[in-house]
Structures are given as structure tokens and as C-alpha cells.
Amino acid sequence: MKVISLKPKGKRIFKTKKRPYWIEPIGEGWWFYLEKGEWKEGFYDGHKTSSYYSMVTIGFNDIYSLKAAKRKINKWNVPKGTKFEVNLPWVGHGFIITKN
């Protein structure tokens, strides 16, 4: 996994305790299917969302650290080279993760 930070060294935040990370693929047409728990490209009429955020009410685990976000992205069945924007609850604190 290639990780690019939006903040310089020393100002990065890797964990949060109260609010989960917001994970969203970069690009058009990606949807997270809530029935299967996986990302798909294209159009679908079922239950879906464009980001992975606050999923504990639906039955998935929330992500509270960069390490957990990397593990979760690694498990998803998406093509190599897919980029995800991983944002913290604070503006400007985020990462771009590319799946290898």
C-alpha cells in the first residue's frame, strides 16, 4: 500500500477515538454495497453508499486508525491501483491510499 499524507511530518494524526475515518474511493461510479460489504463499480438499485463511514449501525466495524484503514482496504476486492481518500474528522487531515 502506498500512503500519501496531506500534512507534513510531525503534524499527522494517525488515530482518533470519538469519530471514525471517512473512506471513499477516488473516481466516479464506485458504490459500497451494504448487503455484501464490498465495493462495486456501476449502477445498482439496492442498498448502497458512496463512502465507508459510521457503519456500526449497519453491522460493520468503524475505522479509528490509519493502520485499520489499510487493513480494511487490503481486504476489499478492488482492482490494484485503486485510490482511496481516507479522511479524519478534522479538515485537512487525511491520507490517500493506493491499493497495490
N, C-alpha and C. Protein backbone atom coordinates (compact mmCIF):
# COMPACT_ATOMS: atom_id res chain seq x y z
N MET A 1 0.84 -1.18 0.00
CA MET A 1 0.00 0.00 0.00
C MET A 1 0.88 1.24 0.00
N LYS A 2 0.52 2.15 -0.85
CA LYS A 2 1.22 3.43 -0.89
C LYS A 2 0.34 4.45 -0.18
N VAL A 3 0.91 5.15 0.79
CA VAL A 3 0.16 6.12 1.59
C VAL A 3 0.78 7.50 1.39
N ILE A 4 -0.05 8.45 1.02
CA ILE A 4 0.37 9.85 0.87
C ILE A 4 -0.43 10.67 1.88
N SER A 5 0.28 11.45 2.68
CA SER A 5 -0.38 12.28 3.68
C SER A 5 -0.63 13.68 3.14
N LEU A 6 -1.68 14.30 3.63
CA LEU A 6 -2.00 15.67 3.24
C LEU A 6 -1.34 16.69 4.16
N LYS A 7 -0.69 16.22 5.23
CA LYS A 7 0.00 17.09 6.19
C LYS A 7 1.49 16.72 6.24
N PRO A 8 2.37 17.67 6.61
CA PRO A 8 3.79 17.34 6.73
C PRO A 8 4.06 16.50 7.97
N LYS A 9 5.25 15.88 8.01
CA LYS A 9 5.64 15.07 9.16
C LYS A 9 5.59 15.91 10.43
N GLY A 10 5.17 15.30 11.49
CA GLY A 10 5.06 16.00 12.78
C GLY A 10 3.68 16.57 13.02
N LYS A 11 2.89 16.73 11.98
CA LYS A 11 1.53 17.27 12.12
C LYS A 11 0.47 16.25 11.74
N ARG A 12 0.88 15.01 11.50
CA ARG A 12 -0.06 13.97 11.09
C ARG A 12 -0.73 13.34 12.31
N ILE A 13 -1.97 12.99 12.15
CA ILE A 13 -2.74 12.31 13.19
C ILE A 13 -3.10 10.93 12.64
N PHE A 14 -2.77 9.88 13.39
CA PHE A 14 -2.97 8.53 12.90
C PHE A 14 -4.15 7.81 13.57
N LYS A 15 -4.59 8.30 14.72
CA LYS A 15 -5.69 7.64 15.44
C LYS A 15 -6.69 8.68 15.93
N THR A 16 -7.92 8.25 16.05
CA THR A 16 -8.97 9.07 16.63
C THR A 16 -9.81 8.17 17.52
N LYS A 17 -10.40 8.71 18.56
CA LYS A 17 -11.17 7.88 19.49
C LYS A 17 -12.67 8.09 19.39
N LYS A 18 -13.10 9.28 19.00
CA LYS A 18 -14.53 9.58 19.05
C LYS A 18 -15.25 9.43 17.73
N ARG A 19 -14.64 9.87 16.64
CA ARG A 19 -15.30 9.80 15.34
C ARG A 19 -14.47 8.97 14.39
N PRO A 20 -15.12 8.10 13.59
CA PRO A 20 -14.37 7.21 12.70
C PRO A 20 -13.84 7.93 11.46
N TYR A 21 -12.95 7.24 10.76
CA TYR A 21 -12.41 7.73 9.50
C TYR A 21 -13.50 7.65 8.42
N TRP A 22 -13.37 8.54 7.44
CA TRP A 22 -14.24 8.57 6.27
C TRP A 22 -13.43 8.01 5.11
N ILE A 23 -13.85 6.88 4.53
CA ILE A 23 -13.11 6.23 3.45
C ILE A 23 -13.97 6.26 2.19
N GLU A 24 -13.37 6.81 1.12
CA GLU A 24 -14.11 6.95 -0.13
C GLU A 24 -13.16 6.75 -1.31
N PRO A 25 -13.55 5.95 -2.31
CA PRO A 25 -12.69 5.79 -3.48
C PRO A 25 -12.64 7.07 -4.30
N ILE A 26 -11.48 7.31 -4.89
CA ILE A 26 -11.31 8.47 -5.76
C ILE A 26 -11.72 8.04 -7.16
N GLY A 27 -12.67 8.73 -7.73
CA GLY A 27 -13.17 8.39 -9.05
C GLY A 27 -14.68 8.22 -9.02
N GLU A 28 -15.27 8.20 -10.17
CA GLU A 28 -16.72 8.11 -10.31
C GLU A 28 -17.18 6.66 -10.38
N GLY A 29 -18.38 6.41 -9.90
CA GLY A 29 -19.03 5.14 -10.13
C GLY A 29 -18.78 4.04 -9.13
N TRP A 30 -18.09 4.29 -8.03
CA TRP A 30 -17.86 3.26 -7.02
C TRP A 30 -18.94 3.34 -5.95
N TRP A 31 -19.50 2.20 -5.58
CA TRP A 31 -20.55 2.12 -4.56
C TRP A 31 -20.23 1.00 -3.58
N PHE A 32 -20.47 1.24 -2.29
CA PHE A 32 -20.29 0.22 -1.26
C PHE A 32 -21.65 -0.44 -1.03
N TYR A 33 -21.74 -1.73 -1.35
CA TYR A 33 -22.98 -2.47 -1.23
C TYR A 33 -23.13 -2.97 0.19
N LEU A 34 -24.19 -2.55 0.86
CA LEU A 34 -24.38 -2.84 2.27
C LEU A 34 -24.78 -4.29 2.53
N GLU A 35 -25.36 -4.98 1.54
CA GLU A 35 -25.74 -6.38 1.74
C GLU A 35 -24.51 -7.28 1.77
N LYS A 36 -23.55 -7.01 0.88
CA LYS A 36 -22.38 -7.87 0.74
C LYS A 36 -21.14 -7.32 1.44
N GLY A 37 -21.11 -6.03 1.69
CA GLY A 37 -19.95 -5.42 2.34
C GLY A 37 -18.74 -5.28 1.43
N GLU A 38 -18.98 -4.94 0.16
CA GLU A 38 -17.89 -4.80 -0.79
C GLU A 38 -18.16 -3.66 -1.76
N TRP A 39 -17.08 -3.19 -2.42
CA TRP A 39 -17.16 -2.11 -3.39
C TRP A 39 -17.42 -2.69 -4.78
N LYS A 40 -18.27 -2.02 -5.55
CA LYS A 40 -18.55 -2.40 -6.94
C LYS A 40 -18.61 -1.14 -7.78
N GLU A 41 -18.27 -1.29 -9.04
CA GLU A 41 -18.39 -0.19 -9.98
C GLU A 41 -19.70 -0.32 -10.73
N GLY A 42 -20.31 0.79 -11.04
CA GLY A 42 -21.52 0.76 -11.84
C GLY A 42 -22.75 1.17 -11.06
N PHE A 43 -23.91 0.87 -11.63
CA PHE A 43 -25.19 1.29 -11.07
C PHE A 43 -25.91 0.09 -10.47
N TYR A 44 -26.57 0.29 -9.35
CA TYR A 44 -27.33 -0.76 -8.67
C TYR A 44 -28.45 -0.10 -7.88
N ASP A 45 -29.64 -0.73 -7.84
CA ASP A 45 -30.79 -0.14 -7.17
C ASP A 45 -30.91 -0.50 -5.70
N GLY A 46 -30.08 -1.38 -5.20
CA GLY A 46 -30.20 -1.84 -3.81
C GLY A 46 -29.64 -0.86 -2.80
N HIS A 47 -29.41 -1.35 -1.61
CA HIS A 47 -28.86 -0.53 -0.53
C HIS A 47 -27.37 -0.35 -0.75
N LYS A 48 -26.96 0.91 -0.93
CA LYS A 48 -25.57 1.21 -1.20
C LYS A 48 -25.23 2.60 -0.67
N THR A 49 -23.95 2.89 -0.59
CA THR A 49 -23.48 4.20 -0.17
C THR A 49 -22.19 4.50 -0.93
N SER A 50 -21.85 5.77 -1.03
CA SER A 50 -20.65 6.14 -1.78
C SER A 50 -19.41 6.23 -0.89
N SER A 51 -19.55 6.03 0.43
CA SER A 51 -18.41 6.10 1.33
C SER A 51 -18.58 5.08 2.46
N TYR A 52 -17.46 4.74 3.07
CA TYR A 52 -17.46 3.84 4.22
C TYR A 52 -17.26 4.72 5.45
N TYR A 53 -18.37 5.02 6.15
CA TYR A 53 -18.31 5.90 7.32
C TYR A 53 -19.46 5.55 8.25
N SER A 54 -19.18 5.45 9.52
CA SER A 54 -20.19 5.19 10.56
C SER A 54 -21.04 3.97 10.20
N MET A 55 -20.39 2.84 10.05
CA MET A 55 -21.05 1.62 9.61
C MET A 55 -21.47 0.70 10.75
N VAL A 56 -21.25 1.08 11.99
CA VAL A 56 -21.56 0.21 13.12
C VAL A 56 -23.07 -0.04 13.22
N THR A 57 -23.90 0.89 12.80
CA THR A 57 -25.36 0.70 12.85
C THR A 57 -25.84 -0.30 11.81
N ILE A 58 -25.03 -0.52 10.77
CA ILE A 58 -25.40 -1.43 9.70
C ILE A 58 -24.82 -2.83 9.93
N GLY A 59 -23.87 -2.95 10.85
CA GLY A 59 -23.29 -4.24 11.16
C GLY A 59 -21.82 -4.39 10.80
N PHE A 60 -21.19 -3.33 10.33
CA PHE A 60 -19.77 -3.34 10.02
C PHE A 60 -19.01 -2.58 11.10
N ASN A 61 -17.71 -2.81 11.17
CA ASN A 61 -16.88 -2.12 12.16
C ASN A 61 -16.50 -0.74 11.65
N ASP A 62 -16.45 0.23 12.57
CA ASP A 62 -15.93 1.55 12.23
C ASP A 62 -14.41 1.51 12.25
N ILE A 63 -13.80 2.45 11.54
CA ILE A 63 -12.34 2.53 11.42
C ILE A 63 -11.87 3.74 12.22
N TYR A 64 -10.96 3.50 13.18
CA TYR A 64 -10.48 4.58 14.04
C TYR A 64 -8.97 4.83 13.93
N SER A 65 -8.26 4.13 13.04
CA SER A 65 -6.83 4.36 12.88
C SER A 65 -6.43 4.13 11.43
N LEU A 66 -5.30 4.69 11.06
CA LEU A 66 -4.78 4.53 9.70
C LEU A 66 -4.41 3.07 9.46
N LYS A 67 -3.86 2.41 10.45
CA LYS A 67 -3.48 1.00 10.32
C LYS A 67 -4.71 0.13 10.02
N ALA A 68 -5.81 0.38 10.72
CA ALA A 68 -7.04 -0.38 10.47
C ALA A 68 -7.61 -0.07 9.09
N ALA A 69 -7.49 1.18 8.64
CA ALA A 69 -7.96 1.54 7.30
C ALA A 69 -7.15 0.81 6.23
N LYS A 70 -5.85 0.72 6.41
CA LYS A 70 -5.01 0.00 5.45
C LYS A 70 -5.38 -1.48 5.41
N ARG A 71 -5.62 -2.08 6.57
CA ARG A 71 -6.02 -3.49 6.61
C ARG A 71 -7.35 -3.71 5.91
N LYS A 72 -8.32 -2.82 6.15
CA LYS A 72 -9.65 -2.93 5.55
C LYS A 72 -9.57 -2.79 4.04
N ILE A 73 -8.82 -1.81 3.54
CA ILE A 73 -8.68 -1.60 2.10
C ILE A 73 -7.99 -2.80 1.46
N ASN A 74 -7.03 -3.38 2.15
CA ASN A 74 -6.33 -4.55 1.62
C ASN A 74 -7.28 -5.74 1.46
N LYS A 75 -8.27 -5.87 2.31
CA LYS A 75 -9.22 -6.99 2.25
C LYS A 75 -10.29 -6.81 1.18
N TRP A 76 -10.59 -5.56 0.80
CA TRP A 76 -11.63 -5.32 -0.20
C TRP A 76 -11.19 -5.83 -1.56
N ASN A 77 -12.14 -6.36 -2.30
CA ASN A 77 -11.88 -6.90 -3.63
C ASN A 77 -12.03 -5.78 -4.68
N VAL A 78 -11.02 -4.93 -4.76
CA VAL A 78 -10.99 -3.84 -5.75
C VAL A 78 -9.72 -4.01 -6.58
N PRO A 79 -9.70 -3.49 -7.80
CA PRO A 79 -8.50 -3.64 -8.65
C PRO A 79 -7.29 -2.94 -8.05
N LYS A 80 -6.11 -3.47 -8.36
CA LYS A 80 -4.88 -2.83 -7.93
C LYS A 80 -4.78 -1.47 -8.59
N GLY A 81 -4.25 -0.52 -7.85
CA GLY A 81 -4.13 0.85 -8.35
C GLY A 81 -5.32 1.72 -7.99
N THR A 82 -6.34 1.15 -7.35
CA THR A 82 -7.49 1.95 -6.92
C THR A 82 -7.06 2.84 -5.76
N LYS A 83 -7.41 4.12 -5.85
CA LYS A 83 -7.03 5.08 -4.81
C LYS A 83 -8.23 5.37 -3.91
N PHE A 84 -7.96 5.44 -2.62
CA PHE A 84 -8.97 5.77 -1.63
C PHE A 84 -8.55 7.02 -0.87
N GLU A 85 -9.50 7.91 -0.65
CA GLU A 85 -9.28 9.08 0.18
C GLU A 85 -9.75 8.72 1.58
N VAL A 86 -8.84 8.78 2.54
CA VAL A 86 -9.12 8.41 3.92
C VAL A 86 -8.98 9.68 4.75
N ASN A 87 -10.11 10.20 5.24
CA ASN A 87 -10.11 11.48 5.95
C ASN A 87 -10.46 11.31 7.42
N LEU A 88 -9.80 12.10 8.24
CA LEU A 88 -10.12 12.19 9.65
C LEU A 88 -11.26 13.18 9.84
N PRO A 89 -11.82 13.26 11.04
CA PRO A 89 -12.92 14.21 11.28
C PRO A 89 -12.51 15.67 11.17
N TRP A 90 -11.22 15.98 11.15
CA TRP A 90 -10.77 17.36 11.08
C TRP A 90 -10.40 17.72 9.65
N VAL A 91 -10.73 18.92 9.25
CA VAL A 91 -10.50 19.37 7.87
C VAL A 91 -8.99 19.41 7.60
N GLY A 92 -8.58 18.87 6.48
CA GLY A 92 -7.19 18.91 6.05
C GLY A 92 -6.35 17.76 6.54
N HIS A 93 -6.85 16.97 7.47
CA HIS A 93 -6.10 15.82 7.97
C HIS A 93 -6.63 14.57 7.27
N GLY A 94 -5.84 14.08 6.36
CA GLY A 94 -6.27 12.90 5.62
C GLY A 94 -5.12 12.25 4.90
N PHE A 95 -5.43 11.14 4.24
CA PHE A 95 -4.43 10.37 3.53
C PHE A 95 -5.03 9.90 2.21
N ILE A 96 -4.17 9.63 1.25
CA ILE A 96 -4.57 8.97 0.02
C ILE A 96 -3.84 7.64 -0.02
N ILE A 97 -4.60 6.55 -0.06
CA ILE A 97 -4.05 5.20 -0.04
C ILE A 97 -4.30 4.56 -1.40
N THR A 98 -3.25 4.03 -2.00
CA THR A 98 -3.34 3.32 -3.27
C THR A 98 -3.16 1.84 -2.99
N LYS A 99 -4.10 1.03 -3.45
CA LYS A 99 -4.01 -0.42 -3.24
C LYS A 99 -3.02 -1.01 -4.24
N ASN A 100 -2.10 -1.82 -3.71
CA ASN A 100 -1.11 -2.49 -4.55
C ASN A 100 -1.53 -3.90 -4.83
